[in-house]
Every structure is written in C-alpha cells, then in structure tokens.
Protein backbone atom coordinates (compact mmCIF):
# COMPACT_ATOMS: atom_id res chain seq x y z
CA ALA A 1 -5.54 -9.44 4.50
CA ALA A 2 -7.50 -9.28 1.24
CA LEU A 3 -10.42 -11.16 2.81
CA VAL A 4 -10.51 -8.79 5.77
CA LEU A 5 -10.43 -5.80 3.42
CA LEU A 6 -13.19 -7.29 1.25
CA GLY A 7 -15.29 -8.10 4.32
CA GLY A 8 -14.85 -4.57 5.69
CA TRP A 9 -15.81 -3.02 2.36
CA THR A 10 -18.89 -5.26 2.10
CA LEU A 11 -19.98 -4.32 5.62
CA TYR A 12 -19.49 -0.60 4.87
CA GLU A 13 -21.50 -0.84 1.61
CA SER A 14 -24.30 -2.71 3.39
CA PHE A 15 -24.45 -0.01 6.09
CA GLN A 16 -24.50 2.79 3.48
CA ASN A 17 -27.24 1.03 1.49
CA SER A 18 -29.41 0.60 4.61
CA ARG A 19 -28.89 4.26 5.53
CA ASN A 20 -29.79 5.45 2.01
CA LEU A 21 -32.94 3.30 1.90
CA ALA A 22 -34.08 4.61 5.29
CA GLU A 23 -33.50 8.21 4.22
CA GLU A 24 -35.13 7.62 0.81
CA GLU A 25 -38.34 6.45 2.52
CA LYS A 26 -38.52 9.83 4.28
CA VAL A 27 -38.82 11.67 0.95
CA LYS A 28 -42.58 11.73 0.33
CA ILE A 29 -44.28 12.25 -3.02
CA THR A 30 -48.01 12.82 -3.36
CA ALA A 31 -50.05 13.40 -6.49
CA SER A 32 -53.52 14.85 -6.91
CA TYR A 33 -55.84 16.41 -9.46
CA ASP A 34 -55.59 20.11 -8.56
CA LEU A 35 -56.97 22.89 -10.76
CA VAL A 36 -56.15 25.52 -8.11
CA ALA A 37 -52.37 24.91 -8.14
CA CYS A 38 -52.17 23.73 -11.77
CA ALA A 39 -53.57 24.81 -15.12
CA LEU A 40 -56.26 22.84 -16.97
CA GLN A 41 -53.63 21.67 -19.51
CA ALA A 42 -51.52 20.13 -16.71
CA PRO A 43 -53.87 19.35 -13.80
CA ILE A 44 -51.85 16.71 -11.95
CA LEU A 45 -49.95 18.20 -9.02
CA ALA A 46 -46.92 16.23 -7.80
CA ASN A 47 -45.68 17.47 -4.44
CA VAL A 48 -42.27 16.31 -3.15
CA VAL A 49 -41.33 16.82 0.51
CA ASN A 50 -37.83 16.11 1.79
CA GLY A 51 -38.45 14.60 5.21
CA SER A 52 -34.90 13.26 5.21
CA SER A 53 -32.03 14.69 7.22
CA ARG A 54 -29.91 14.85 4.05
CA ASP A 55 -29.88 17.21 1.06
CA VAL A 56 -31.68 15.80 -1.99
CA THR A 57 -30.28 16.57 -5.45
CA SER A 58 -32.98 14.82 -7.50
CA VAL A 59 -36.01 12.56 -7.35
CA ARG A 60 -37.18 10.31 -10.19
CA PHE A 61 -40.66 8.84 -9.96
CA ASP A 62 -43.73 7.50 -11.74
CA ILE A 63 -47.36 8.44 -11.13
CA ALA A 64 -49.89 5.66 -11.70
CA VAL A 65 -53.49 6.71 -12.32
CA LYS A 66 -56.32 4.49 -11.10
CA ARG A 67 -60.07 4.72 -11.00
CA ARG A 68 -61.24 5.09 -7.39
CA GLY A 69 -62.25 1.69 -6.03
CA TYR A 70 -60.40 -0.28 -8.73
CA SER A 71 -56.95 -1.84 -8.48
CA ASN A 72 -55.78 -1.69 -12.10
CA GLU A 73 -53.93 1.25 -13.62
CA ILE A 74 -55.70 3.17 -16.34
CA GLY A 75 -52.77 5.46 -17.12
CA ARG A 76 -49.22 6.27 -16.04
CA LEU A 77 -46.76 9.13 -16.14
CA SER A 78 -43.29 7.60 -16.25
CA ARG A 79 -39.72 8.75 -15.64
CA LEU A 80 -40.65 12.09 -14.09
CA LEU A 81 -37.78 14.11 -12.67
CA ASP A 82 -37.66 16.69 -9.92
CA ASP A 83 -34.09 17.96 -10.01
CA ARG A 84 -34.56 21.00 -7.82
CA PRO A 85 -32.08 20.67 -4.91
CA MET A 86 -33.93 20.38 -1.60
CA ALA A 87 -32.53 20.86 1.88
CA PRO A 88 -34.07 18.83 4.72
CA GLY A 89 -37.67 19.97 5.25
CA ALA A 90 -37.91 21.64 1.83
CA GLN A 91 -40.56 20.85 -0.74
CA SER A 92 -41.20 21.38 -4.42
CA HIS A 93 -44.06 20.76 -6.80
CA TYR A 94 -44.65 20.35 -10.51
CA CYS A 95 -47.77 20.10 -12.66
CA TYR A 96 -48.20 17.43 -15.32
CA ALA A 97 -50.66 16.74 -18.12
CA LEU A 98 -53.10 13.92 -17.61
CA PRO A 99 -52.02 10.78 -19.52
CA VAL A 100 -54.41 9.09 -21.94
CA LEU A 101 -56.81 7.16 -19.73
CA ILE A 102 -58.25 3.82 -20.82
CA PRO A 103 -61.14 3.93 -20.12
CA ALA A 104 -61.81 7.65 -19.83
CA VAL A 105 -62.75 8.58 -16.25
CA ALA A 106 -64.12 11.77 -14.70
CA PRO A 107 -61.47 13.72 -12.71
CA GLU A 108 -63.29 13.28 -9.40
CA GLU A 109 -63.00 9.49 -9.79
CA LEU A 110 -59.22 9.52 -10.21
CA GLU A 111 -56.75 8.19 -7.66
CA PHE A 112 -52.96 8.59 -7.86
CA VAL A 113 -50.24 6.25 -6.62
CA ILE A 114 -46.43 6.61 -6.68
CA PRO A 115 -45.26 3.06 -7.54
CA LEU A 116 -41.60 3.96 -8.18
CA GLN A 117 -39.29 6.56 -6.69
CA PHE A 118 -35.53 6.95 -6.74
CA VAL A 119 -33.82 9.60 -4.64
CA THR A 120 -30.31 10.95 -5.19
CA PHE A 121 -28.68 12.54 -2.16
CA LYS A 122 -25.89 15.11 -2.11
C-alpha cells in the first residue's frame, strides 16, 4: 500500500511540475533601453506579460546586457522582483538603472536577454 501511495504521489508531483513549467513559459519578460517610458537615471524597461491561464503572484528574473553582435555579457541586473499580482493577460513594467558596463557601450548598441526567470503562481 505504501508503494502505491508513493507512486501516486510521485505521479501527481510530476504532473504538477510539468503543468507549472508549461505555464511559466507563457509568462514573457522583455527588456529594452527606453527613455520614453523610463527616466534617464533608470533607462532599462522590463515588461512582464502574463500569457498564462493562471494568476501570477510574483516573477523573479535577471537581465543580462550584451553588446549587439557579441555573445558575452558586459553587465547584469540580478535578482529583480516583480511582485505585482497579475491576472491572466495582465502586464506590468518597471524601470531599472543601467549596470556598470565593461566595456562601456553606447545605448544604441545594447541588447538585453532574460537568462533566468522564476514565476510563482497563486
């Protein structure tokens, strides 16, 4: 009986994990250099869109900064948090300061990537 119970629990957890991963991939984060939506002191716009069918309670993510045409990171914003609750279809945005870039690069040459994201659902 214990083995059946353990097997059932393992199957349930596997199903829940697959469901969460599929829903997490529907939450999209984009980052850009945007002086229209953000101030000069915090010119990086992070836009989060809940494309999932579930309510999101928080999103943790990193923004990697690259020079256009190059593969290596020249800066990173880490452990960012968007904890504004979002219903399905909702979106939110925050502005962040540019990290120290090594080497320094003109804003029009910057490219942004979201290498890490963790979504918490209601």
